[in-house]
Amino acid sequence: MLIDNHNRVINYVRLAVTDRCNLRCNYCMPEEGIGFSSRNELLSIAELKSLSSTLAGLGVDKIRLTGGEPFVRKGIMDLLEHLAGLEGLREISLTTNATLIGPHIPRLAELGIRHVNVSMDAISPETFARITRRDYYRTVRENVEKLIEAGLEVRINFIVLEGQNESDIYPMMEFQREFPVRVRFLEEMPFNGGSKDFRTLHWNHKRILEHIRGQYPDFEKLPAPLTSTSVNYKIPGHTGSFGIIPSFSRTFCGSCNRLRVTATGDLITCLYGKPVANVRRELRAGLPESEVRQIIRQAVGSRAKDGFEAQERFGPIFGSSMTSIGG
């Protein structure tokens, strides 16, 4: 079992398989992209398998594959097959932009993968194309509906962007009225690869909720685990539900049970911190698993108490891109 220096059990790992993405969302990176890692810098599928086995052996029972966009990585389904066979892993999930997932949906269901988070910051094609700088709305919408039909639990992550997609909040609420999805509205985060000068947050979690209340005044709060990052709500008569994630306000930090591993093997113990270690050399050299375990334990044993302490400890990191941090 992994227990950090604040007596929190770390049982959830967000494992990035690539830092590349086929979209160019303007809140994530500049239009020309970022300095993506070379192929040799990325953990191989074999190394990702080895690392995930080690993590499961340390008591991690939930692994979420992230990117970049996971499905641009060759071998992603091979890795998922491996994860599905790991003893002790109770949940495998994905965060994706849903542009490339379509052909894999039947096999995902067969492997027992039940949770897919879809990054979808607009429900209108025009707004979607403006934010992502790509024309994939129809594909994403169709794949979301295919995921639902296949019986997977779909959570739509909608980052509220000042001056860009506020007009899509109510239409997205109508989407969860009709479909059994959980729409999670997120505060914008400053990990945009330097594409924006981030100084103030106009749409914080309180304002997002009050905006929703203006059109949908009757909702009830749903119970959630202590480690949940979202505060979730249900409107009577709606098929789905919605939630708010205070990702910039960081009200959930005290119960954080997460560790991030980037596509190059960096360990990040807090989203607002910097890498504290790297396991690529040990994995690549075929060193004993005990050495990898020790690196992970040491990283977890020196975590910041919350995102604010991490930000103070590591200094400014707001020029980073979410695609390089690991989703």
Protein backbone atom coordinates (compact mmCIF):
# COMPACT_ATOMS: atom_id res chain seq x y z
CA MET A 1 0.00 0.00 0.00
CA LEU A 2 1.18 3.52 -0.85
CA ILE A 3 0.66 6.06 1.95
CA ASP A 4 1.95 9.59 1.61
CA ASN A 5 3.49 11.83 4.27
CA HIS A 6 0.03 13.25 5.07
CA ASN A 7 -1.38 9.76 5.78
CA ARG A 8 -3.37 9.64 2.53
CA VAL A 9 -3.65 6.32 0.72
CA ILE A 10 -2.52 6.65 -2.91
CA ASN A 11 -4.46 4.09 -4.90
CA TYR A 12 -5.19 5.94 -8.16
CA VAL A 13 -2.67 6.58 -10.95
CA ARG A 14 -3.17 8.66 -14.09
CA LEU A 15 -0.82 7.02 -16.57
CA ALA A 16 -0.06 9.03 -19.71
CA VAL A 17 0.78 7.00 -22.78
CA THR A 18 1.68 9.93 -25.06
CA ASP A 19 2.00 13.70 -25.00
CA ARG A 20 0.73 14.01 -28.57
CA CYS A 21 -2.80 14.97 -29.56
CA ASN A 22 -4.67 15.30 -32.85
CA LEU A 23 -6.53 18.40 -31.60
CA ARG A 24 -5.11 21.83 -30.81
CA CYS A 25 -7.43 23.08 -28.08
CA ASN A 26 -6.64 26.73 -27.44
CA TYR A 27 -6.69 26.33 -23.65
CA CYS A 28 -4.10 23.54 -23.81
CA MET A 29 -1.45 24.56 -26.31
CA PRO A 30 -0.58 27.04 -29.05
CA GLU A 31 -1.90 26.35 -32.55
CA GLU A 32 1.53 25.19 -33.74
CA GLY A 33 1.70 22.67 -30.89
CA ILE A 34 4.46 22.23 -28.32
CA GLY A 35 7.84 20.53 -28.28
CA PHE A 36 6.57 16.95 -28.19
CA SER A 37 8.80 14.20 -26.84
CA SER A 38 10.74 12.04 -29.25
CA ARG A 39 9.77 8.41 -29.62
CA ASN A 40 12.83 7.27 -27.67
CA GLU A 41 11.90 9.51 -24.75
CA LEU A 42 8.48 7.90 -24.36
CA LEU A 43 8.00 4.82 -22.23
CA SER A 44 7.49 1.84 -24.53
CA ILE A 45 4.34 -0.27 -24.29
CA ALA A 46 6.43 -2.99 -22.63
CA GLU A 47 7.72 -0.46 -20.08
CA LEU A 48 4.19 0.81 -19.46
CA LYS A 49 3.06 -2.76 -18.85
CA SER A 50 5.90 -3.34 -16.40
CA LEU A 51 5.21 -0.10 -14.57
CA SER A 52 1.48 -0.75 -14.31
CA SER A 53 2.18 -4.22 -12.85
CA THR A 54 4.50 -2.64 -10.27
CA LEU A 55 1.87 -0.04 -9.37
CA ALA A 56 -0.80 -2.70 -8.93
CA GLY A 57 1.60 -4.59 -6.68
CA LEU A 58 1.93 -1.47 -4.54
CA GLY A 59 -1.81 -1.34 -3.94
CA VAL A 60 -2.92 0.88 -6.81
CA ASP A 61 -6.37 -0.40 -7.77
CA LYS A 62 -7.38 2.28 -10.28
CA ILE A 63 -5.46 3.28 -13.39
CA ARG A 64 -6.65 5.88 -15.86
CA LEU A 65 -4.90 6.09 -19.22
CA THR A 66 -4.45 9.64 -20.41
CA GLY A 67 -2.38 11.65 -22.87
CA GLY A 68 -2.23 13.72 -24.93
CA GLU A 69 -4.81 11.65 -26.71
CA PRO A 70 -4.35 7.97 -25.75
CA PHE A 71 -5.60 6.60 -29.05
CA VAL A 72 -2.89 8.25 -31.12
CA ARG A 73 -0.47 5.86 -29.40
CA LYS A 74 0.20 2.62 -31.24
CA GLY A 75 -0.21 -0.38 -28.97
CA ILE A 76 -2.77 1.25 -26.69
CA MET A 77 -5.15 -1.73 -26.94
CA ASP A 78 -2.29 -4.13 -26.14
CA LEU A 79 -1.67 -2.14 -22.95
CA LEU A 80 -5.37 -2.21 -22.07
CA GLU A 81 -5.41 -6.00 -22.55
CA HIS A 82 -2.56 -6.21 -20.04
CA LEU A 83 -4.30 -3.96 -17.55
CA ALA A 84 -7.49 -5.99 -17.79
CA GLY A 85 -5.54 -9.06 -16.65
CA LEU A 86 -3.86 -7.46 -13.64
CA GLU A 87 -4.94 -8.92 -10.32
CA GLY A 88 -6.04 -6.29 -7.82
CA LEU A 89 -6.87 -3.64 -10.40
CA ARG A 90 -10.56 -2.94 -9.83
CA GLU A 91 -10.99 -0.08 -12.30
CA ILE A 92 -9.46 0.81 -15.65
CA SER A 93 -10.61 4.02 -17.26
CA LEU A 94 -9.70 6.43 -20.05
CA THR A 95 -9.65 10.14 -20.71
CA THR A 96 -10.00 10.83 -24.43
CA ASN A 97 -11.17 13.42 -26.93
CA ALA A 98 -13.24 10.61 -28.53
CA THR A 99 -12.08 11.31 -32.09
CA LEU A 100 -10.37 7.93 -32.57
CA ILE A 101 -12.06 5.64 -30.05
CA GLY A 102 -14.91 4.48 -32.29
CA PRO A 103 -13.45 1.24 -33.73
CA HIS A 104 -12.28 0.13 -30.28
CA ILE A 105 -15.53 0.54 -28.34
CA PRO A 106 -16.74 -3.09 -28.61
CA ARG A 107 -13.41 -4.43 -27.36
CA LEU A 108 -13.28 -1.88 -24.53
CA ALA A 109 -16.63 -3.17 -23.32
CA GLU A 110 -15.42 -6.77 -23.58
CA LEU A 111 -12.36 -5.94 -21.47
CA GLY A 112 -14.58 -4.65 -18.69
CA ILE A 113 -13.63 -1.00 -19.08
CA ARG A 114 -16.65 0.85 -17.79
CA HIS A 115 -15.58 4.48 -17.37
CA VAL A 116 -14.60 6.88 -20.14
CA ASN A 117 -14.08 10.60 -19.67
CA VAL A 118 -14.59 12.58 -22.86
CA SER A 119 -13.10 16.05 -23.18
CA MET A 120 -15.86 17.96 -24.95
CA ASP A 121 -15.96 21.68 -24.32
CA ALA A 122 -18.83 22.52 -26.65
CA ILE A 123 -22.09 21.06 -27.87
CA SER A 124 -22.33 23.23 -30.97
CA PRO A 125 -20.15 22.36 -33.99
CA GLU A 126 -19.05 25.96 -34.49
CA THR A 127 -17.87 26.46 -30.91
CA PHE A 128 -16.22 23.04 -30.91
CA ALA A 129 -14.24 23.84 -34.07
CA ARG A 130 -13.19 27.25 -32.74
CA ILE A 131 -11.86 25.82 -29.46
CA THR A 132 -10.21 22.67 -30.84
CA ARG A 133 -9.08 24.26 -34.12
CA ARG A 134 -10.31 21.06 -35.80
CA ASP A 135 -13.60 19.93 -37.38
CA TYR A 136 -14.29 16.72 -35.45
CA TYR A 137 -17.55 17.56 -33.69
CA ARG A 138 -19.71 15.07 -35.57
CA THR A 139 -17.22 12.25 -34.96
CA VAL A 140 -17.02 13.01 -31.25
CA ARG A 141 -20.80 13.25 -30.87
CA GLU A 142 -21.31 9.93 -32.68
CA ASN A 143 -18.66 8.18 -30.60
CA VAL A 144 -20.12 9.48 -27.34
CA GLU A 145 -23.46 7.98 -28.33
CA LYS A 146 -21.76 4.71 -29.30
CA LEU A 147 -20.07 4.54 -25.90
CA ILE A 148 -23.43 5.01 -24.22
CA GLU A 149 -25.03 2.32 -26.40
CA ALA A 150 -22.20 -0.07 -25.47
CA GLY A 151 -23.05 0.38 -21.79
CA LEU A 152 -20.01 2.39 -20.75
CA GLU A 153 -20.32 5.17 -18.19
CA VAL A 154 -19.52 8.42 -19.96
CA ARG A 155 -18.41 11.56 -18.19
CA ILE A 156 -18.10 14.66 -20.31
CA ASN A 157 -15.47 17.14 -19.15
CA PHE A 158 -16.46 20.67 -20.17
CA ILE A 159 -13.97 23.40 -19.25
CA VAL A 160 -15.78 26.73 -18.93
CA LEU A 161 -13.77 29.21 -20.98
CA GLU A 162 -14.45 32.89 -20.60
CA GLY A 163 -15.69 34.45 -23.82
CA GLN A 164 -15.70 31.13 -25.68
CA ASN A 165 -18.25 28.54 -24.64
CA GLU A 166 -20.53 29.98 -21.94
CA SER A 167 -23.41 29.87 -24.42
CA ASP A 168 -22.97 26.08 -24.63
CA ILE A 169 -23.49 25.47 -20.90
CA TYR A 170 -27.28 25.28 -21.08
CA PRO A 171 -27.32 23.19 -24.30
CA MET A 172 -24.87 20.79 -22.63
CA MET A 173 -27.23 20.59 -19.67
CA GLU A 174 -29.95 19.61 -22.12
CA PHE A 175 -27.66 16.87 -23.41
CA GLN A 176 -27.51 15.32 -19.93
CA ARG A 177 -31.27 15.68 -19.67
CA GLU A 178 -31.60 13.40 -22.69
CA PHE A 179 -28.63 11.03 -22.30
CA PRO A 180 -27.31 9.04 -19.30
CA VAL A 181 -24.04 10.96 -19.01
CA ARG A 182 -22.46 13.00 -16.23
CA VAL A 183 -21.42 16.40 -17.50
CA ARG A 184 -18.66 17.88 -15.33
CA PHE A 185 -18.04 21.60 -15.67
CA LEU A 186 -14.43 22.46 -14.82
CA GLU A 187 -12.77 25.68 -13.86
CA GLU A 188 -10.15 26.68 -16.40
CA MET A 189 -6.59 25.77 -15.44
CA PRO A 190 -3.43 27.67 -16.39
CA PHE A 191 -1.76 24.75 -18.17
CA ASN A 192 -2.06 26.12 -21.68
CA GLY A 193 1.47 25.83 -23.00
CA GLY A 194 1.91 29.57 -22.88
CA SER A 195 -1.01 30.20 -25.25
CA LYS A 196 -2.69 32.61 -22.84
CA ASP A 197 -1.71 35.04 -20.12
CA PHE A 198 -3.48 33.50 -17.11
CA ARG A 199 -4.00 35.97 -14.27
CA THR A 200 -7.62 35.82 -13.15
CA LEU A 201 -10.38 33.23 -13.12
CA HIS A 202 -13.73 34.62 -14.17
CA TRP A 203 -15.72 31.38 -14.13
CA ASN A 204 -14.96 29.80 -10.76
CA HIS A 205 -16.94 26.86 -9.39
CA LYS A 206 -19.39 29.08 -7.50
CA ARG A 207 -20.22 31.16 -10.54
CA ILE A 208 -20.64 28.09 -12.75
CA LEU A 209 -23.13 26.61 -10.29
CA GLU A 210 -25.05 29.86 -9.94
CA HIS A 211 -25.24 30.16 -13.71
CA ILE A 212 -26.73 26.67 -13.95
CA ARG A 213 -29.13 27.46 -11.12
CA GLY A 214 -30.47 30.37 -13.17
CA GLN A 215 -31.95 27.96 -15.71
CA TYR A 216 -32.25 24.81 -13.58
CA PRO A 217 -33.12 25.91 -10.02
CA ASP A 218 -34.17 22.50 -8.73
CA PHE A 219 -31.34 20.04 -8.23
CA GLU A 220 -30.11 17.85 -5.42
CA LYS A 221 -26.57 17.08 -4.36
CA LEU A 222 -25.47 13.50 -4.86
CA PRO A 223 -23.31 11.53 -2.42
CA ALA A 224 -19.70 11.12 -3.52
CA PRO A 225 -16.54 9.49 -2.17
CA LEU A 226 -14.28 11.68 -0.05
CA THR A 227 -11.65 11.47 -2.81
CA SER A 228 -13.97 12.77 -5.52
CA THR A 229 -12.79 15.89 -7.35
CA SER A 230 -16.31 16.81 -8.43
CA VAL A 231 -19.38 17.93 -6.52
CA ASN A 232 -22.24 16.16 -8.26
CA TYR A 233 -25.90 17.02 -8.72
CA LYS A 234 -29.08 15.49 -10.13
CA ILE A 235 -32.10 17.27 -11.57
CA PRO A 236 -35.43 15.44 -11.17
CA GLY A 237 -36.57 14.06 -14.52
CA HIS A 238 -33.15 14.30 -16.17
CA THR A 239 -31.61 11.09 -17.50
CA GLY A 240 -28.06 12.13 -16.65
CA SER A 241 -26.44 14.30 -13.99
CA PHE A 242 -23.92 17.10 -13.71
CA GLY A 243 -21.00 18.07 -11.54
CA ILE A 244 -18.61 20.93 -10.87
CA ILE A 245 -14.84 20.45 -10.56
CA PRO A 246 -13.03 23.32 -8.78
CA SER A 247 -9.75 22.51 -10.52
CA PHE A 248 -8.23 25.95 -10.02
CA SER A 249 -9.80 26.68 -6.61
CA ARG A 250 -8.49 23.27 -5.45
CA THR A 251 -11.04 22.59 -2.72
CA PHE A 252 -10.51 18.82 -3.03
CA CYS A 253 -6.76 18.68 -2.35
CA GLY A 254 -7.00 17.48 1.24
CA SER A 255 -8.24 14.04 0.22
CA CYS A 256 -6.13 13.61 -2.93
CA ASN A 257 -5.34 9.95 -3.66
CA ARG A 258 -3.67 10.45 -7.05
CA LEU A 259 -0.27 10.05 -8.64
CA ARG A 260 0.51 11.13 -12.22
CA VAL A 261 3.04 9.44 -14.46
CA THR A 262 3.89 11.28 -17.66
CA ALA A 263 4.54 9.57 -20.98
CA THR A 264 8.28 9.98 -20.41
CA GLY A 265 8.24 8.40 -16.95
CA ASP A 266 8.15 11.50 -14.75
CA LEU A 267 6.32 11.12 -11.43
CA ILE A 268 4.12 14.09 -10.55
CA THR A 269 2.55 14.01 -7.10
CA CYS A 270 0.51 17.17 -7.57
CA LEU A 271 -0.95 18.78 -10.66
CA TYR A 272 0.37 22.15 -9.48
CA GLY A 273 3.85 20.80 -8.83
CA LYS A 274 6.72 19.62 -11.00
CA PRO A 275 8.12 16.11 -11.56
CA VAL A 276 9.81 14.77 -8.43
CA ALA A 277 11.39 11.65 -9.96
CA ASN A 278 11.62 9.61 -13.14
CA VAL A 279 11.43 5.81 -13.55
CA ARG A 280 12.40 5.52 -17.22
CA ARG A 281 16.08 4.70 -16.63
CA GLU A 282 15.28 1.91 -14.19
CA LEU A 283 12.59 0.42 -16.44
CA ARG A 284 14.77 0.68 -19.53
CA ALA A 285 17.78 -0.89 -17.84
CA GLY A 286 15.73 -3.81 -16.58
CA LEU A 287 16.73 -3.12 -13.00
CA PRO A 288 14.98 -5.00 -10.19
CA GLU A 289 11.36 -4.06 -9.58
CA SER A 290 12.34 -3.21 -6.01
CA GLU A 291 14.26 -0.17 -7.29
CA VAL A 292 11.24 1.16 -9.18
CA ARG A 293 9.08 0.57 -6.11
CA GLN A 294 11.53 2.52 -3.98
CA ILE A 295 11.47 5.52 -6.33
CA ILE A 296 7.67 5.55 -6.25
CA ARG A 297 7.54 5.23 -2.48
CA GLN A 298 10.02 8.08 -2.02
CA ALA A 299 8.04 10.33 -4.36
CA VAL A 300 4.77 9.62 -2.57
CA GLY A 301 6.48 10.12 0.78
CA SER A 302 7.29 13.78 0.15
CA ARG A 303 4.06 15.17 -1.29
CA ALA A 304 2.84 18.71 -0.82
CA LYS A 305 -0.21 19.03 1.39
CA ASP A 306 -2.21 20.66 -1.39
CA GLY A 307 -1.91 22.44 -4.72
CA PHE A 308 -1.15 25.78 -3.12
CA GLU A 309 1.79 24.40 -1.15
CA ALA A 310 3.02 22.62 -4.29
CA GLN A 311 2.84 25.87 -6.24
CA GLU A 312 4.86 27.64 -3.54
CA ARG A 313 7.40 24.82 -3.39
CA PHE A 314 8.00 24.43 -7.11
CA GLY A 315 7.42 27.95 -8.35
CA PRO A 316 5.55 29.00 -11.51
CA ILE A 317 4.55 26.12 -13.79
CA PHE A 318 1.81 27.89 -15.69
CA GLY A 319 3.67 27.76 -19.00
CA SER A 320 3.23 24.00 -19.09
CA SER A 321 0.73 22.27 -21.35
CA MET A 322 -1.76 19.78 -19.94
CA THR A 323 -0.81 17.39 -22.72
CA SER A 324 2.74 17.15 -21.34
CA ILE A 325 1.64 16.92 -17.70
CA GLY A 326 -0.52 13.89 -18.34
CA GLY A 327 -4.14 14.90 -18.75
